[in-house]
């Protein structure tokens, strides 16, 4: 399956809009730091302005889709010059300026450079997909984008955090325990992480149908088990540390210096939640849990005075929500656990037996009905029963794309091509 182009273009547009807002805010901060120096550094000579204008016009004239290409052209031609001039401005500033303003300006510069980098990287990936159709799966794109984004933001944060002190990176982002109580910094964070993981897993298990989210869609279409394992490794082993360094290590210190701890807790927690909305869009319970977790992690950071506490809670939570649901399925419905874990190793007869036993153990296990219906469709047998099974799933979740896709496949096998085509057109319209 290829890229979901409308979704990617929409995401690119949102990032570009946020980038432009960040640049405008950055300009206001630079002017506030030194208006005269800003005018000296950012005023372009007539020759440079003419060259930029000519390049802009030449690309615009040769473009087939002029209005759609204007934002990328602005991005590629103007923003690199802006970043170079911004670096020159920062190097020219006197060191006696207000510390909190300098830190905030530097942090906004980190955001601008990071967003510019991931936007350019996104254009490169889109170009590769255009040239080599099917060369990069959606899961591969997700992993590559996450890896590039992580490396870039860490480089930018490392460089910018050197303004805090000369005591080293770990001290600057408060990633040291020092003389703090181990109960406060380690034991309580572990307990909080376990509580949130168990609570989240319980809420998830109580829902007969899991809402469809962009992240679920990528998993549903993933063809490579190795890529899925890489994703889980990043989510469990890398993401908690990186996110805590960024949010509650670097940006927490910057914003706290400017507005105080209380306002910083709200700003960091809500921003943390906002950055997770995209992957959980459609699952409001998950978004609510991420928001609550964000507040807990930030309050923990403020209370303990170290990022170590929030890192520990984050690690325990991420690991818990990966493992606990698996344990719950293994205990509550062993046949379905065996079916899921060893799916690629079972033959059709074994899968059928396990799914029937799973349904007998839990008549509300909606996915099992759909799985059995899909199995019958693949085997081209018991098609009337398969249709009843998928209708059972759809009675719980009428809009679930996976169930509708199964129904379309069954209808095709039954010769009801028009009905199947109608469902496929609907799915293509709603999920391009």
Protein backbone atom coordinates (compact mmCIF):
# COMPACT_ATOMS: atom_id res chain seq x y z
CA UNK A 1 0.00 0.00 0.00
CA UNK A 2 1.35 3.43 -0.91
CA UNK A 3 1.24 6.76 0.79
CA UNK A 4 -2.02 8.32 1.91
CA UNK A 5 -1.24 11.46 -0.11
CA UNK A 6 -4.14 13.71 0.97
CA UNK A 7 -3.33 12.98 4.62
CA UNK A 8 0.39 13.64 4.09
CA UNK A 9 -0.31 16.88 2.21
CA UNK A 10 -2.63 17.99 5.02
CA UNK A 11 0.03 17.19 7.64
CA UNK A 12 2.66 19.06 5.59
CA UNK A 13 0.33 22.05 5.40
CA UNK A 14 -0.18 22.06 9.18
CA UNK A 15 3.58 21.85 9.79
CA UNK A 16 4.21 24.67 7.32
CA UNK A 17 1.59 26.87 9.00
CA UNK A 18 3.09 26.18 12.45
CA UNK A 19 6.54 26.91 11.05
CA UNK A 20 5.45 30.30 9.70
CA UNK A 21 3.83 31.17 13.05
CA UNK A 22 7.05 30.15 14.84
CA UNK A 23 9.12 32.33 12.49
CA UNK A 24 6.89 35.36 13.12
CA UNK A 25 7.17 34.84 16.89
CA UNK A 26 10.93 34.39 16.51
CA UNK A 27 11.21 37.69 14.63
CA UNK A 28 9.33 39.50 17.41
CA UNK A 29 11.72 38.05 20.00
CA UNK A 30 14.81 39.00 17.97
CA UNK A 31 13.56 42.56 17.60
CA UNK A 32 12.90 42.72 21.32
CA UNK A 33 16.43 41.55 22.03
CA UNK A 34 18.03 44.28 19.88
CA UNK A 35 16.02 46.25 17.32
CA UNK A 36 19.01 48.04 15.82
CA UNK A 37 21.08 44.88 15.41
CA UNK A 38 18.08 43.10 13.89
CA UNK A 39 17.74 45.80 11.21
CA UNK A 40 21.45 45.66 10.46
CA UNK A 41 21.58 41.87 10.11
CA UNK A 42 18.29 41.18 8.36
CA UNK A 43 18.21 44.08 5.91
CA UNK A 44 18.99 42.59 2.49
CA UNK A 45 21.04 44.54 -0.04
CA UNK A 46 19.28 45.42 -3.34
CA UNK A 47 21.49 42.91 -5.16
CA UNK A 48 20.64 40.00 -2.83
CA UNK A 49 16.95 40.88 -2.88
CA UNK A 50 17.00 40.94 -6.70
CA UNK A 51 18.70 37.54 -6.91
CA UNK A 52 16.15 35.98 -4.55
CA UNK A 53 13.27 37.55 -6.48
CA UNK A 54 14.63 36.29 -9.82
CA UNK A 55 15.04 32.76 -8.46
CA UNK A 56 11.54 32.86 -7.05
CA UNK A 57 10.02 34.10 -10.33
CA UNK A 58 11.96 31.63 -12.48
CA UNK A 59 10.75 28.65 -10.43
CA UNK A 60 7.20 30.06 -10.36
CA UNK A 61 7.08 30.54 -14.14
CA UNK A 62 8.30 26.99 -14.78
CA UNK A 63 5.86 25.44 -12.32
CA UNK A 64 2.73 23.63 -13.50
CA UNK A 65 0.91 24.18 -10.21
CA UNK A 66 1.92 27.70 -9.24
CA UNK A 67 -0.22 28.30 -6.15
CA UNK A 68 0.53 24.91 -4.61
CA UNK A 69 4.27 25.37 -5.19
CA UNK A 70 4.58 28.83 -3.62
CA UNK A 71 4.90 27.60 0.05
CA UNK A 72 7.67 25.07 -0.77
CA UNK A 73 9.50 27.73 -2.81
CA UNK A 74 9.37 30.19 0.08
CA UNK A 75 10.59 27.40 2.33
CA UNK A 76 13.51 26.40 0.11
CA UNK A 77 14.65 29.86 -0.99
CA UNK A 78 14.06 32.19 1.94
CA UNK A 79 14.11 30.20 5.19
CA UNK A 80 17.72 28.94 4.86
CA UNK A 81 18.84 32.58 4.45
CA UNK A 82 16.76 33.52 7.48
CA UNK A 83 18.39 30.79 9.59
CA UNK A 84 21.89 31.91 8.52
CA UNK A 85 21.13 35.53 9.39
CA UNK A 86 19.59 34.43 12.66
CA UNK A 87 22.79 32.61 13.58
CA UNK A 88 24.78 35.73 12.73
CA UNK A 89 22.44 37.81 14.92
CA UNK A 90 22.90 35.47 17.90
CA UNK A 91 26.67 35.53 17.56
CA UNK A 92 26.67 39.34 17.50
CA UNK A 93 24.52 39.76 20.62
CA UNK A 94 26.09 41.02 23.82
CA UNK A 95 26.25 38.47 26.65
CA UNK A 96 24.81 40.83 29.27
CA UNK A 97 21.28 40.75 27.81
CA UNK A 98 18.36 39.38 29.83
CA UNK A 99 18.91 35.66 30.40
CA UNK A 100 15.30 34.51 30.18
CA UNK A 101 14.72 36.37 26.91
CA UNK A 102 17.91 34.96 25.38
CA UNK A 103 16.95 31.42 26.41
CA UNK A 104 13.42 31.78 25.05
CA UNK A 105 14.67 33.19 21.76
CA UNK A 106 17.15 30.33 21.44
CA UNK A 107 14.38 27.79 22.16
CA UNK A 108 12.14 29.27 19.46
CA UNK A 109 15.12 29.06 17.11
CA UNK A 110 15.35 25.34 17.94
CA UNK A 111 11.68 24.92 17.03
CA UNK A 112 12.06 26.80 13.74
CA UNK A 113 15.14 24.82 12.67
CA UNK A 114 13.57 21.51 13.73
CA UNK A 115 10.30 22.10 11.89
CA UNK A 116 12.16 23.27 8.79
CA UNK A 117 14.29 20.13 8.89
CA UNK A 118 11.39 17.67 9.19
CA UNK A 119 9.44 19.53 6.50
CA UNK A 120 12.34 19.30 4.04
CA UNK A 121 12.82 15.65 4.99
CA UNK A 122 9.12 15.06 4.35
CA UNK A 123 9.42 16.59 0.87
CA UNK A 124 12.42 14.35 0.16
CA UNK A 125 10.50 11.21 1.21
CA UNK A 126 7.50 12.26 -0.89
CA UNK A 127 9.81 12.78 -3.87
CA UNK A 128 11.34 9.34 -3.42
CA UNK A 129 7.87 7.81 -3.35
CA UNK A 130 6.98 9.64 -6.58
CA UNK A 131 10.13 8.40 -8.33
CA UNK A 132 10.17 4.89 -6.85
CA UNK A 133 6.54 3.96 -6.24
CA UNK A 134 6.15 1.52 -3.36
CA UNK A 135 9.79 1.80 -2.32
CA UNK A 136 8.91 3.04 1.18
CA UNK A 137 6.00 1.66 3.20
CA UNK A 138 3.99 3.81 5.59
CA UNK A 139 5.62 2.04 8.54
CA UNK A 140 9.05 2.62 7.00
CA UNK A 141 8.20 6.27 6.44
CA UNK A 142 7.08 6.59 10.07
CA UNK A 143 10.31 5.05 11.39
CA UNK A 144 12.57 7.09 9.08
CA UNK A 145 10.77 10.33 9.95
CA UNK A 146 10.89 9.59 13.67
CA UNK A 147 14.61 8.73 13.53
CA UNK A 148 15.49 11.87 11.55
CA UNK A 149 13.33 14.06 13.77
CA UNK A 150 14.90 12.61 16.93
CA UNK A 151 18.50 13.07 15.78
CA UNK A 152 17.83 16.62 14.58
CA UNK A 153 16.04 17.83 17.71
CA UNK A 154 18.68 16.29 19.98
CA UNK A 155 21.48 18.08 18.09
CA UNK A 156 19.61 21.39 18.30
CA UNK A 157 18.74 20.96 21.99
CA UNK A 158 22.32 19.97 22.85
CA UNK A 159 23.72 23.07 21.17
CA UNK A 160 21.13 25.43 22.64
CA UNK A 161 21.36 24.04 26.20
CA UNK A 162 25.01 25.11 26.40
CA UNK A 163 23.68 28.61 27.16
CA UNK A 164 22.44 27.35 30.55
CA UNK A 165 25.83 26.64 32.13
CA UNK A 166 29.26 25.11 31.58
CA UNK A 167 28.46 22.11 33.81
CA UNK A 168 27.61 19.70 31.00
CA UNK A 169 24.54 18.52 29.11
CA UNK A 170 23.15 16.21 31.82
CA UNK A 171 23.25 19.01 34.39
CA UNK A 172 21.75 21.53 31.99
CA UNK A 173 18.71 19.35 31.37
CA UNK A 174 18.52 18.26 35.04
CA UNK A 175 19.16 14.60 34.26
CA UNK A 176 21.02 13.98 37.52
CA UNK A 177 19.77 12.63 40.86
CA UNK A 178 22.24 14.47 43.08
CA UNK A 179 21.45 14.26 46.80
CA UNK A 180 17.71 13.81 46.28
CA UNK A 181 15.71 11.08 48.02
CA UNK A 182 15.67 7.81 46.07
CA UNK A 183 12.11 7.18 47.23
CA UNK A 184 11.05 10.51 45.75
CA UNK A 185 13.04 10.20 42.52
CA UNK A 186 12.79 6.44 41.80
CA UNK A 187 10.23 4.53 43.92
CA UNK A 188 7.30 6.96 43.56
CA UNK A 189 7.85 7.45 39.79
CA UNK A 190 7.86 3.64 39.29
CA UNK A 191 4.60 3.34 41.22
CA UNK A 192 3.01 6.14 39.19
CA UNK A 193 4.11 4.58 35.90
CA UNK A 194 2.65 1.21 36.90
CA UNK A 195 -0.61 2.81 38.01
CA UNK A 196 -1.07 4.65 34.72
CA UNK A 197 -0.11 1.58 32.67
CA UNK A 198 -2.56 -0.70 34.52
CA UNK A 199 -5.33 1.92 34.42
CA UNK A 200 -4.85 2.55 30.68
CA UNK A 201 -4.73 -1.17 29.91
CA UNK A 202 -7.91 -1.76 31.91
CA UNK A 203 -9.79 1.00 30.06
CA UNK A 204 -8.63 -0.38 26.71
CA UNK A 205 -9.68 -3.92 27.61
CA UNK A 206 -13.16 -2.74 28.61
CA UNK A 207 -13.89 -1.47 25.08
CA UNK A 208 -15.27 -4.12 22.71
CA UNK A 209 -13.93 -2.17 19.71
CA UNK A 210 -10.77 -0.11 19.53
CA UNK A 211 -11.25 3.18 17.64
CA UNK A 212 -9.43 3.52 14.33
CA UNK A 213 -6.52 5.96 14.54
CA UNK A 214 -3.80 6.98 12.05
CA UNK A 215 -1.32 4.84 13.99
CA UNK A 216 -3.65 1.81 13.86
CA UNK A 217 -4.07 2.27 10.11
CA UNK A 218 -0.30 2.12 9.63
CA UNK A 219 -0.11 -1.07 11.70
CA UNK A 220 -3.01 -2.62 9.78
CA UNK A 221 -1.21 -2.10 6.47
CA UNK A 222 2.30 -2.99 7.72
CA UNK A 223 3.79 -5.93 5.81
CA UNK A 224 7.11 -6.25 7.65
CA UNK A 225 7.29 -7.82 11.11
CA UNK A 226 10.84 -6.51 11.49
CA UNK A 227 9.68 -2.90 10.95
CA UNK A 228 6.96 -3.37 13.56
CA UNK A 229 9.57 -4.67 16.03
CA UNK A 230 11.80 -1.66 15.25
CA UNK A 231 8.85 0.64 15.94
CA UNK A 232 8.15 -1.01 19.31
CA UNK A 233 11.86 -0.79 20.19
CA UNK A 234 11.81 2.95 19.47
CA UNK A 235 8.58 3.42 21.41
CA UNK A 236 9.76 1.54 24.50
CA UNK A 237 13.52 2.12 24.62
CA UNK A 238 14.17 5.47 22.89
CA UNK A 239 11.05 7.65 22.94
CA UNK A 240 10.64 8.08 26.74
CA UNK A 241 14.21 9.37 27.22
CA UNK A 242 14.15 11.67 24.18
CA UNK A 243 10.73 13.13 24.99
CA UNK A 244 11.68 13.82 28.59
CA UNK A 245 14.96 15.49 27.58
CA UNK A 246 13.07 17.72 25.15
CA UNK A 247 9.91 18.57 27.09
CA UNK A 248 10.78 18.38 30.77
CA UNK A 249 14.53 18.76 30.45
CA UNK A 250 15.19 21.55 27.96
CA UNK A 251 11.91 23.40 27.33
CA UNK A 252 10.77 23.12 30.95
CA UNK A 253 13.88 24.97 32.11
CA UNK A 254 13.55 27.63 29.40
CA UNK A 255 9.88 28.40 30.04
CA UNK A 256 10.21 28.20 33.83
CA UNK A 257 12.94 30.84 33.70
CA UNK A 258 10.52 33.11 31.82
CA UNK A 259 7.06 32.56 33.39
CA UNK A 260 7.57 30.49 36.56
CA UNK A 261 6.87 26.85 37.47
CA UNK A 262 3.05 26.94 37.67
CA UNK A 263 2.44 28.26 34.15
CA UNK A 264 5.22 26.07 32.82
CA UNK A 265 3.44 22.92 34.02
CA UNK A 266 0.35 23.83 31.97
CA UNK A 267 2.32 24.86 28.88
CA UNK A 268 4.58 21.80 28.80
CA UNK A 269 1.81 19.28 29.61
CA UNK A 270 -0.58 20.66 26.97
CA UNK A 271 2.16 20.88 24.34
CA UNK A 272 3.16 17.29 25.11
CA UNK A 273 -0.46 16.20 24.59
CA UNK A 274 -0.76 18.24 21.38
CA UNK A 275 2.23 16.47 19.83
CA UNK A 276 0.54 13.09 20.46
CA UNK A 277 -2.91 14.04 19.13
CA UNK A 278 -2.01 13.24 15.51
CA UNK A 279 -1.22 9.57 16.12
CA UNK A 280 -4.25 9.00 18.39
CA UNK A 281 -6.75 11.11 16.45
CA UNK A 282 -10.18 9.47 16.77
CA UNK A 283 -9.41 7.79 20.09
CA UNK A 284 -10.42 10.44 22.61
CA UNK A 285 -9.79 8.17 25.58
CA UNK A 286 -6.16 7.73 24.51
CA UNK A 287 -5.78 11.50 24.00
CA UNK A 288 -7.24 12.13 27.47
CA UNK A 289 -4.83 9.61 29.00
CA UNK A 290 -1.83 11.17 27.24
CA UNK A 291 -2.91 14.60 28.49
CA UNK A 292 -3.27 13.32 32.07
CA UNK A 293 0.10 11.57 31.78
CA UNK A 294 1.68 14.79 30.49
CA UNK A 295 0.47 16.73 33.53
CA UNK A 296 1.66 13.97 35.88
CA UNK A 297 5.13 13.85 34.33
CA UNK A 298 5.51 17.64 34.41
CA UNK A 299 4.28 17.96 37.99
CA UNK A 300 6.69 15.17 38.95
CA UNK A 301 9.51 17.08 37.27
CA UNK A 302 8.63 20.24 39.19
CA UNK A 303 8.20 18.42 42.51
CA UNK A 304 11.43 16.42 42.40
CA UNK A 305 13.56 19.04 40.66
CA UNK A 306 15.01 16.46 38.25
CA UNK A 307 14.10 15.01 34.86
CA UNK A 308 15.19 11.57 36.11
CA UNK A 309 11.83 11.10 37.90
CA UNK A 310 9.73 11.80 34.81
CA UNK A 311 12.02 9.62 32.66
CA UNK A 312 11.46 6.66 35.01
CA UNK A 313 7.67 7.11 35.05
CA UNK A 314 7.61 7.46 31.27
CA UNK A 315 9.66 4.28 30.75
CA UNK A 316 7.51 2.25 33.14
CA UNK A 317 4.32 3.51 31.50
CA UNK A 318 5.41 2.85 27.91
CA UNK A 319 6.68 -0.61 28.79
CA UNK A 320 3.56 -1.38 30.81
CA UNK A 321 1.05 -0.46 28.11
CA UNK A 322 2.92 -2.74 25.70
CA UNK A 323 3.11 -5.76 28.04
CA UNK A 324 0.07 -5.58 30.34
CA UNK A 325 -2.60 -5.84 27.57
CA UNK A 326 -0.80 -8.93 26.22
CA UNK A 327 -0.82 -10.49 29.70
CA UNK A 328 -4.51 -9.64 30.10
CA UNK A 329 -5.37 -11.33 26.78
CA UNK A 330 -3.22 -14.35 27.64
CA UNK A 331 -5.02 -14.78 30.97
CA UNK A 332 -8.58 -13.95 29.89
CA UNK A 333 -8.62 -15.69 26.50
CA UNK A 334 -5.66 -18.05 25.88
CA UNK A 335 -6.92 -19.30 22.46
CA UNK A 336 -7.07 -15.77 21.04
CA UNK A 337 -3.67 -15.01 22.51
CA UNK A 338 -2.25 -18.10 20.82
CA UNK A 339 -3.99 -17.17 17.55
CA UNK A 340 -2.55 -13.63 17.63
CA UNK A 341 1.00 -14.41 18.73
CA UNK A 342 1.53 -17.36 16.38
CA UNK A 343 -0.64 -16.12 13.52
CA UNK A 344 1.99 -16.59 10.82
CA UNK A 345 2.82 -20.15 11.95
CA UNK A 346 -0.71 -21.59 12.12
CA UNK A 347 -2.45 -23.24 9.19
CA UNK A 348 -6.05 -22.31 8.28
CA UNK A 349 -7.61 -25.21 10.20
CA UNK A 350 -5.77 -24.31 13.42
CA UNK A 351 -6.71 -20.65 13.05
CA UNK A 352 -10.37 -21.57 12.59
CA UNK A 353 -10.36 -23.78 15.68
CA UNK A 354 -8.66 -21.13 17.82
CA UNK A 355 -11.03 -18.39 16.69
CA UNK A 356 -14.12 -20.51 17.38
CA UNK A 357 -12.79 -21.31 20.85
CA UNK A 358 -11.98 -17.61 21.40
CA UNK A 359 -15.56 -16.62 20.55
CA UNK A 360 -16.90 -19.33 22.83
CA UNK A 361 -14.77 -17.98 25.68
CA UNK A 362 -15.77 -14.37 25.02
CA UNK A 363 -18.90 -13.76 22.89
CA UNK A 364 -18.13 -10.02 22.87
CA UNK A 365 -14.66 -10.41 21.34
CA UNK A 366 -15.54 -8.43 18.23
CA UNK A 367 -12.23 -8.79 16.41
CA UNK A 368 -12.49 -12.58 16.58
CA UNK A 369 -15.72 -12.51 14.56
CA UNK A 370 -14.06 -10.36 11.90
CA UNK A 371 -10.91 -12.51 11.89
CA UNK A 372 -12.94 -15.69 11.36
CA UNK A 373 -15.01 -14.03 8.62
CA UNK A 374 -11.80 -12.93 6.85
CA UNK A 375 -10.36 -16.44 7.17
CA UNK A 376 -13.44 -17.92 5.51
CA UNK A 377 -13.22 -15.29 2.73
CA UNK A 378 -9.56 -16.17 2.11
CA UNK A 379 -10.38 -19.88 2.07
CA UNK A 380 -13.50 -19.24 -0.06
CA UNK A 381 -15.70 -21.39 2.18
CA UNK A 382 -18.62 -20.92 4.58
CA UNK A 383 -19.25 -17.53 2.91
CA UNK A 384 -22.82 -17.18 4.20
CA UNK A 385 -21.55 -17.80 7.72
CA UNK A 386 -18.68 -15.37 7.09
CA UNK A 387 -21.17 -12.66 6.15
CA UNK A 388 -23.11 -13.24 9.39
CA UNK A 389 -19.86 -13.09 11.38
CA UNK A 390 -18.73 -9.78 9.89
CA UNK A 391 -22.23 -8.35 10.35
CA UNK A 392 -21.84 -9.26 14.02
CA UNK A 393 -18.62 -7.20 14.14
CA UNK A 394 -20.29 -4.31 12.30
CA UNK A 395 -23.15 -4.31 14.81
CA UNK A 396 -20.57 -3.19 17.38
CA UNK A 397 -18.66 -0.81 15.09
CA UNK A 398 -20.57 0.10 11.88
CA UNK A 399 -17.84 2.46 10.64
CA UNK A 400 -14.79 0.29 11.30
CA UNK A 401 -12.82 0.24 7.99
CA UNK A 402 -11.30 -3.21 8.63
CA UNK A 403 -14.74 -4.77 9.12
CA UNK A 404 -16.16 -3.04 6.04
CA UNK A 405 -13.19 -4.26 4.01
CA UNK A 406 -13.87 -7.82 5.16
CA UNK A 407 -17.54 -7.49 4.20
CA UNK A 408 -16.59 -6.23 0.74
CA UNK A 409 -14.25 -9.20 0.23
CA UNK A 410 -17.00 -11.65 1.24
CA UNK A 411 -19.59 -10.00 -1.03
CA UNK A 412 -17.16 -10.27 -3.95
CA UNK A 413 -16.75 -13.99 -3.32
CA UNK A 414 -20.55 -14.33 -3.19
CA UNK A 415 -20.86 -12.63 -6.56
CA UNK A 416 -22.54 -9.51 -5.15
CA UNK A 417 -20.05 -7.27 -6.95
CA UNK A 418 -22.14 -4.08 -6.95
CA UNK A 419 -22.55 -4.14 -3.16
CA UNK A 420 -18.84 -4.84 -2.69
CA UNK A 421 -17.91 -2.05 -5.11
CA UNK A 422 -20.13 0.40 -3.21
CA UNK A 423 -18.31 -0.39 0.05
CA UNK A 424 -14.88 -0.10 -1.60
CA UNK A 425 -15.78 3.29 -3.11
CA UNK A 426 -16.91 4.48 0.29
CA UNK A 427 -13.68 3.31 1.92
CA UNK A 428 -11.58 4.92 -0.81
CA UNK A 429 -13.51 8.17 -0.39
CA UNK A 430 -13.13 8.22 3.41
CA UNK A 431 -9.61 6.66 3.54
CA UNK A 432 -7.91 7.77 0.29
